Amino acid sequence: MDAVTLTRQLVNIESITGNEAAVGNYLYGELCRLGYQTTKMPVEGDRFNVYAAPDAGSRAPEVTLSTHMDTVPPFIPSSEDAGRIYGRGSCDAKGIIAAQIAAAQRLRQQGIYVGLLFVVGEERDSLGAKVANEHAPSECRFLINGEPTENRIALASKGTLRVEVTATGRMAHSAYPELGDSAIDKLIAALARLRTTPLPSDPEVGPCTLNIGLIEGGRAPNVIPDYAHADLLYRLVGPTDDLRRQILATAGDQVQVTFPLEIPFLRLRTIDGLPTMTAAFTTDIPQLTNWGEPLLIGPGSIHVAHTDGEYIEKQQLAEAIDLYCRVAKQLLG
């Protein structure tokens, strides 16, 4: 199994979230060709997850290697130099798919059998993972999830709390502001307070962080705005009960606050002798609880994922194959 070639082939198949069918069909065909018992797991419309296991009797493997097939936009085809493979998904996460298949092949040759699970929708709503969780083999005890961690095993994965802050007011001619009630003024005041509020921190994982990612509102420069809205994202290092109360109290009664999404903070299993890191990003792991105890490790850097210069180091790709084999053996030892 040439992981470099497979990475380029996968990168060259556009699979922006919602459009994963082509890459799923390619992986299904390749895994069938390699002799795996391969299943398309329907998700939505023509979208499906791919699950594959070696033919090793009636029992499903106790360890599953997993990552996602979808990418963020825009599509960027592959290119290559002596040390790197470039293109959309090269590190997040098509290089990881290639490394996991290569590791599964090497393990199979040694009489060690692991499953492979490749899901859709991780970059948007983890829909593929949610569906996969309903079809987990009862025998599976460990899930090795792949994300770009530079081949360091994650101690923890920060959670996500999405917050929407909305203000309403009354329109008026901007020459007579006293006749109106500015929603934007209310929103700006609330956001200023939230930005300066101390956030929790964990000695191992680091601080909870806040990003104000989207602000919208108003009608025109000469109209007092009657509506304003902001989307905020907190990266979590613990439970959210106290944080939610703090956000509500700090934002104040001039705005409305809702919490449309939470992905919990997770502490993860590690392996003795492997370097560690903390994943400040979220993964599919919280939606794959039925697949066994989770671990998080993969080649590539999250700092270049989702950028126009995304790449994966060929050396890290090769090292990841060794690592996935080592971790699987230790878990089954």
Protein backbone atom coordinates (compact mmCIF):
# COMPACT_ATOMS: atom_id res chain seq x y z
CA MET A 1 0.00 0.00 0.00
CA ASP A 2 1.60 3.27 -1.18
CA ALA A 3 0.19 5.85 1.21
CA VAL A 4 1.59 8.80 -0.77
CA THR A 5 -0.11 7.73 -3.99
CA LEU A 6 -3.38 6.96 -2.20
CA THR A 7 -3.31 10.36 -0.48
CA ARG A 8 -2.97 12.16 -3.82
CA GLN A 9 -5.73 10.07 -5.38
CA LEU A 10 -8.08 10.92 -2.51
CA VAL A 11 -7.19 14.62 -2.53
CA ASN A 12 -7.98 14.77 -6.24
CA ILE A 13 -11.57 13.65 -5.57
CA GLU A 14 -13.58 16.67 -4.45
CA SER A 15 -15.50 15.82 -1.27
CA ILE A 16 -16.62 19.08 0.30
CA THR A 17 -19.15 18.34 3.05
CA GLY A 18 -22.39 17.17 1.47
CA ASN A 19 -20.64 15.92 -1.66
CA GLU A 20 -18.76 12.87 -0.32
CA ALA A 21 -20.33 10.19 -2.55
CA ALA A 22 -17.50 10.10 -5.12
CA VAL A 23 -14.72 9.65 -2.57
CA GLY A 24 -16.86 7.15 -0.68
CA ASN A 25 -17.36 5.09 -3.83
CA TYR A 26 -13.62 5.20 -4.52
CA LEU A 27 -12.76 3.98 -1.02
CA TYR A 28 -15.44 1.32 -1.17
CA GLY A 29 -13.97 -0.02 -4.42
CA GLU A 30 -10.39 0.05 -3.14
CA LEU A 31 -11.24 -1.71 0.10
CA CYS A 32 -13.26 -4.37 -1.71
CA ARG A 33 -10.31 -4.88 -4.08
CA LEU A 34 -8.03 -5.36 -1.05
CA GLY A 35 -10.32 -8.12 0.20
CA TYR A 36 -12.13 -6.36 3.02
CA GLN A 37 -15.75 -7.01 3.87
CA THR A 38 -16.90 -3.51 3.03
CA THR A 39 -20.25 -1.86 3.73
CA LYS A 40 -21.81 1.40 2.61
CA MET A 41 -23.67 2.81 5.61
CA PRO A 42 -26.46 5.14 4.33
CA VAL A 43 -26.52 8.58 5.94
CA GLU A 44 -28.57 11.04 3.88
CA GLY A 45 -29.45 11.21 0.19
CA ASP A 46 -26.49 9.77 -1.72
CA ARG A 47 -24.15 10.24 1.26
CA PHE A 48 -22.82 7.21 3.11
CA ASN A 49 -20.12 6.10 5.55
CA VAL A 50 -17.73 3.30 4.64
CA TYR A 51 -17.01 0.49 7.12
CA ALA A 52 -14.54 -2.28 6.32
CA ALA A 53 -13.25 -5.28 8.23
CA PRO A 54 -10.92 -8.11 7.24
CA ASP A 55 -12.51 -11.51 6.83
CA ALA A 56 -11.35 -12.98 10.12
CA GLY A 57 -14.34 -15.05 11.14
CA SER A 58 -17.69 -13.98 12.49
CA ARG A 59 -16.43 -11.54 15.14
CA ALA A 60 -15.92 -7.87 14.31
CA PRO A 61 -12.50 -6.38 15.13
CA GLU A 62 -11.95 -5.03 18.65
CA VAL A 63 -10.07 -1.97 17.34
CA THR A 64 -11.36 0.43 14.68
CA LEU A 65 -9.32 3.09 12.89
CA SER A 66 -11.53 6.00 11.90
CA THR A 67 -11.54 9.48 10.38
CA HIS A 68 -13.67 11.57 8.02
CA MET A 69 -13.93 11.77 4.23
CA ASP A 70 -15.32 15.29 3.90
CA THR A 71 -13.34 18.51 3.57
CA VAL A 72 -13.97 22.22 3.93
CA PRO A 73 -14.23 24.33 0.75
CA PRO A 74 -12.76 25.22 -1.65
CA PHE A 75 -11.54 22.19 -3.56
CA ILE A 76 -7.76 22.34 -4.14
CA PRO A 77 -6.25 19.51 -6.25
CA SER A 78 -3.07 17.78 -5.15
CA SER A 79 0.53 18.64 -5.86
CA GLU A 80 3.74 17.23 -4.48
CA ASP A 81 7.39 17.98 -3.82
CA ALA A 82 10.16 15.93 -2.25
CA GLY A 83 8.84 16.30 1.29
CA ARG A 84 5.17 17.20 1.14
CA ILE A 85 1.79 16.46 -0.43
CA TYR A 86 -0.39 19.55 -0.89
CA GLY A 87 -4.08 20.03 -1.54
CA ARG A 88 -7.44 20.19 0.23
CA GLY A 89 -7.74 17.35 2.68
CA SER A 90 -4.08 16.35 2.45
CA CYS A 91 -3.80 16.51 6.25
CA ASP A 92 -7.48 16.88 7.18
CA ALA A 93 -8.04 14.03 6.71
CA LYS A 94 -7.26 12.15 3.47
CA GLY A 95 -3.63 11.53 4.31
CA ILE A 96 -4.90 10.03 7.55
CA ILE A 97 -7.27 7.74 5.61
CA ALA A 98 -4.30 6.51 3.55
CA ALA A 99 -2.16 5.93 6.65
CA GLN A 100 -4.96 4.02 8.39
CA ILE A 101 -5.56 1.76 5.41
CA ALA A 102 -1.82 1.10 5.09
CA ALA A 103 -1.63 0.30 8.81
CA ALA A 104 -4.62 -2.05 8.61
CA GLN A 105 -2.96 -3.84 5.69
CA ARG A 106 0.32 -4.25 7.57
CA LEU A 107 -1.47 -5.53 10.66
CA ARG A 108 -3.53 -7.98 8.62
CA GLN A 109 -0.33 -9.44 7.18
CA GLN A 110 0.75 -10.05 10.78
CA GLY A 111 -2.53 -11.75 11.67
CA ILE A 112 -3.90 -8.75 13.58
CA TYR A 113 -7.30 -7.52 12.45
CA VAL A 114 -8.66 -3.99 12.81
CA GLY A 115 -11.70 -2.30 11.34
CA LEU A 116 -11.81 0.87 9.24
CA LEU A 117 -14.57 3.48 9.54
CA PHE A 118 -14.65 6.55 7.28
CA VAL A 119 -17.52 8.95 7.87
CA VAL A 120 -19.14 11.97 6.22
CA GLY A 121 -20.05 15.34 7.65
CA GLU A 122 -17.38 15.89 10.31
CA GLU A 123 -16.67 19.41 9.11
CA ARG A 124 -20.29 20.48 9.55
CA ASP A 125 -22.46 18.55 11.99
CA SER A 126 -20.94 15.06 12.50
CA LEU A 127 -24.02 13.54 10.87
CA GLY A 128 -22.06 10.56 9.57
CA ALA A 129 -20.68 9.83 13.03
CA LYS A 130 -24.15 10.06 14.58
CA VAL A 131 -25.43 7.47 12.09
CA ALA A 132 -22.36 5.27 12.54
CA ASN A 133 -22.94 5.22 16.30
CA GLU A 134 -26.19 3.36 15.69
CA HIS A 135 -24.32 0.60 13.84
CA ALA A 136 -21.30 -0.02 16.07
CA PRO A 137 -20.22 -3.67 16.35
CA SER A 138 -20.66 -4.89 19.91
CA GLU A 139 -17.17 -6.40 19.83
CA CYS A 140 -15.41 -3.07 19.21
CA ARG A 141 -13.53 -1.98 22.35
CA PHE A 142 -11.30 0.83 21.06
CA LEU A 143 -11.69 3.65 18.53
CA ILE A 144 -8.49 5.25 17.19
CA ASN A 145 -9.70 8.49 15.67
CA GLY A 146 -7.47 10.32 13.20
CA GLU A 147 -7.07 14.10 13.12
CA PRO A 148 -3.96 16.21 12.50
CA THR A 149 -2.04 16.00 15.81
CA GLU A 150 1.50 15.81 14.32
CA ASN A 151 1.59 12.16 15.41
CA ARG A 152 1.25 13.09 19.08
CA ILE A 153 -1.47 11.39 21.07
CA ALA A 154 -4.09 13.72 22.53
CA LEU A 155 -4.50 14.03 26.30
CA ALA A 156 -7.79 15.81 25.74
CA SER A 157 -9.99 17.44 23.15
CA LYS A 158 -11.50 20.83 23.90
CA GLY A 159 -15.25 21.05 23.57
CA THR A 160 -17.36 23.62 21.75
CA LEU A 161 -20.15 25.87 22.99
CA ARG A 162 -21.85 27.94 20.33
CA VAL A 163 -23.65 31.03 21.55
CA GLU A 164 -26.02 33.31 19.65
CA VAL A 165 -26.59 36.84 20.95
CA THR A 166 -29.48 38.84 19.48
CA ALA A 167 -30.62 42.41 20.12
CA THR A 168 -33.78 44.15 18.95
CA GLY A 169 -34.63 47.84 18.84
CA ARG A 170 -36.71 50.40 16.99
CA MET A 171 -35.99 51.95 13.59
CA ALA A 172 -35.81 55.72 13.13
CA HIS A 173 -34.18 58.29 10.89
CA SER A 174 -30.51 58.53 11.89
CA ALA A 175 -30.82 62.34 12.08
CA TYR A 176 -33.14 61.82 15.06
CA PRO A 177 -31.56 58.99 17.09
CA GLU A 178 -33.65 59.89 20.13
CA LEU A 179 -36.70 58.56 18.24
CA GLY A 180 -35.17 55.13 17.76
CA ASP A 181 -33.58 52.37 19.82
CA SER A 182 -30.32 50.98 18.41
CA ALA A 183 -30.03 47.19 18.46
CA ILE A 184 -26.39 47.47 17.38
CA ASP A 185 -25.51 49.62 20.40
CA LYS A 186 -27.03 46.98 22.69
CA LEU A 187 -25.16 44.17 20.95
CA ILE A 188 -21.81 45.98 21.01
CA ALA A 189 -22.13 46.65 24.74
CA ALA A 190 -22.94 43.01 25.47
CA LEU A 191 -20.06 41.72 23.34
CA ALA A 192 -17.62 44.13 24.98
CA ARG A 193 -18.54 42.76 28.40
CA LEU A 194 -18.28 39.15 27.22
CA ARG A 195 -14.83 39.75 25.67
CA THR A 196 -13.38 40.98 28.97
CA THR A 197 -14.93 38.30 31.21
CA PRO A 198 -12.35 35.90 32.74
CA LEU A 199 -12.75 32.34 31.43
CA PRO A 200 -11.90 29.03 33.12
CA SER A 201 -8.55 27.33 32.60
CA ASP A 202 -7.20 23.83 33.16
CA PRO A 203 -3.56 23.31 34.24
CA GLU A 204 -3.03 20.49 31.73
CA VAL A 205 -5.27 21.59 28.87
CA GLY A 206 -5.01 25.37 28.96
CA PRO A 207 -7.64 28.12 28.84
CA CYS A 208 -11.18 28.25 27.58
CA THR A 209 -11.20 30.68 24.64
CA LEU A 210 -13.79 32.87 22.92
CA ASN A 211 -14.13 33.80 19.26
CA ILE A 212 -16.73 36.28 18.01
CA GLY A 213 -17.06 34.81 14.56
CA LEU A 214 -20.01 36.61 12.97
CA ILE A 215 -21.76 39.94 13.47
CA GLU A 216 -24.70 41.15 11.40
CA GLY A 217 -27.46 43.69 11.68
CA GLY A 218 -28.82 47.05 10.65
CA ARG A 219 -30.65 48.34 7.60
CA ALA A 220 -28.65 51.25 6.18
CA PRO A 221 -26.19 53.89 7.43
CA ASN A 222 -28.99 56.43 7.79
CA VAL A 223 -31.37 54.13 9.71
CA ILE A 224 -31.26 53.42 13.45
CA PRO A 225 -30.97 49.60 13.48
CA ASP A 226 -33.79 47.51 14.87
CA TYR A 227 -31.90 44.18 14.71
CA ALA A 228 -28.37 42.90 15.42
CA HIS A 229 -26.99 39.41 15.88
CA ALA A 230 -23.65 37.75 16.73
CA ASP A 231 -22.42 34.14 16.67
CA LEU A 232 -19.82 33.26 19.32
CA LEU A 233 -17.78 30.11 19.83
CA TYR A 234 -16.24 29.06 23.13
CA ARG A 235 -13.60 26.30 23.22
CA LEU A 236 -14.31 24.36 26.39
CA VAL A 237 -12.00 22.88 29.03
CA GLY A 238 -14.68 21.53 31.32
CA PRO A 239 -18.43 21.43 32.06
CA THR A 240 -20.55 24.38 30.96
CA ASP A 241 -23.11 24.93 33.75
CA ASP A 242 -21.16 27.76 35.39
CA LEU A 243 -20.02 29.18 32.05
CA ARG A 244 -23.58 29.37 30.72
CA ARG A 245 -24.74 31.20 33.85
CA GLN A 246 -21.80 33.59 33.54
CA ILE A 247 -22.55 34.33 29.88
CA LEU A 248 -26.22 35.04 30.60
CA ALA A 249 -25.41 37.33 33.52
CA THR A 250 -22.65 39.19 31.66
CA ALA A 251 -24.59 39.68 28.42
CA GLY A 252 -27.37 41.38 30.34
CA ASP A 253 -31.08 41.83 29.79
CA GLN A 254 -30.75 44.10 26.72
CA VAL A 255 -29.99 41.07 24.53
CA GLN A 256 -31.31 37.53 24.07
CA VAL A 257 -28.83 34.63 24.45
CA THR A 258 -29.27 31.08 23.14
CA PHE A 259 -26.98 28.02 23.12
CA PRO A 260 -27.68 26.10 19.89
CA LEU A 261 -24.74 23.66 20.06
CA GLU A 262 -22.51 22.03 22.64
CA ILE A 263 -19.81 19.42 22.03
CA PRO A 264 -18.38 18.31 25.38
CA PHE A 265 -14.79 18.56 26.55
CA LEU A 266 -13.12 15.12 26.65
CA ARG A 267 -10.13 13.66 28.43
CA LEU A 268 -8.67 10.84 26.36
CA ARG A 269 -6.64 7.69 26.82
CA THR A 270 -2.92 7.92 26.10
CA ILE A 271 -0.22 5.36 25.37
CA ASP A 272 2.99 5.16 27.39
CA GLY A 273 6.02 6.38 25.49
CA LEU A 274 4.17 8.52 22.95
CA PRO A 275 4.45 12.33 22.96
CA THR A 276 1.22 14.08 23.93
CA MET A 277 -0.74 17.18 22.96
CA THR A 278 -4.07 18.86 23.66
CA ALA A 279 -6.48 19.17 20.74
CA ALA A 280 -7.97 22.66 20.87
CA PHE A 281 -10.38 21.55 18.14
CA THR A 282 -13.39 19.23 18.27
CA THR A 283 -13.74 15.85 16.55
CA ASP A 284 -16.32 13.16 15.79
CA ILE A 285 -15.35 11.30 18.97
CA PRO A 286 -18.26 12.57 21.14
CA GLN A 287 -20.68 11.14 18.54
CA LEU A 288 -18.99 7.71 18.38
CA THR A 289 -19.41 6.59 21.97
CA ASN A 290 -20.61 3.08 21.03
CA TRP A 291 -17.34 2.30 19.23
CA GLY A 292 -15.35 1.85 22.41
CA GLU A 293 -12.77 3.81 24.36
CA PRO A 294 -11.44 6.64 22.15
CA LEU A 295 -7.89 7.68 21.32
CA LEU A 296 -6.91 10.60 19.08
CA ILE A 297 -3.77 10.67 16.94
CA GLY A 298 -2.82 11.42 13.33
CA PRO A 299 -0.21 12.92 11.02
CA GLY A 300 -0.24 16.53 9.81
CA SER A 301 -0.60 19.87 11.53
CA ILE A 302 -3.93 21.42 12.41
CA HIS A 303 -2.28 24.81 11.81
CA VAL A 304 -2.28 24.26 8.03
CA ALA A 305 -5.65 22.46 7.86
CA HIS A 306 -8.40 24.57 6.25
CA THR A 307 -5.82 26.87 4.62
CA ASP A 308 -5.00 27.39 0.94
CA GLY A 309 -1.55 25.92 1.60
CA GLU A 310 -2.71 22.74 3.34
CA TYR A 311 -0.13 19.94 3.23
CA ILE A 312 1.10 16.79 4.93
CA GLU A 313 4.73 15.81 5.44
CA LYS A 314 5.56 12.51 3.75
CA GLN A 315 7.76 11.56 6.69
CA GLN A 316 4.87 12.07 9.12
CA LEU A 317 2.64 10.00 6.86
CA ALA A 318 5.10 7.09 7.02
CA GLU A 319 5.53 7.49 10.77
CA ALA A 320 1.75 7.46 11.24
CA ILE A 321 1.51 3.98 9.71
CA ASP A 322 4.01 2.73 12.27
CA LEU A 323 2.18 4.53 15.07
CA TYR A 324 -1.25 3.17 14.19
CA CYS A 325 0.21 -0.35 14.14
CA ARG A 326 1.97 0.20 17.47
CA VAL A 327 -1.12 1.62 19.19
CA ALA A 328 -3.40 -1.14 17.90
CA LYS A 329 -0.99 -3.83 19.07
CA GLN A 330 -0.67 -2.27 22.50
CA LEU A 331 -4.43 -2.00 22.91
CA LEU A 332 -4.87 -5.63 21.91
CA GLY A 333 -1.82 -6.81 23.86
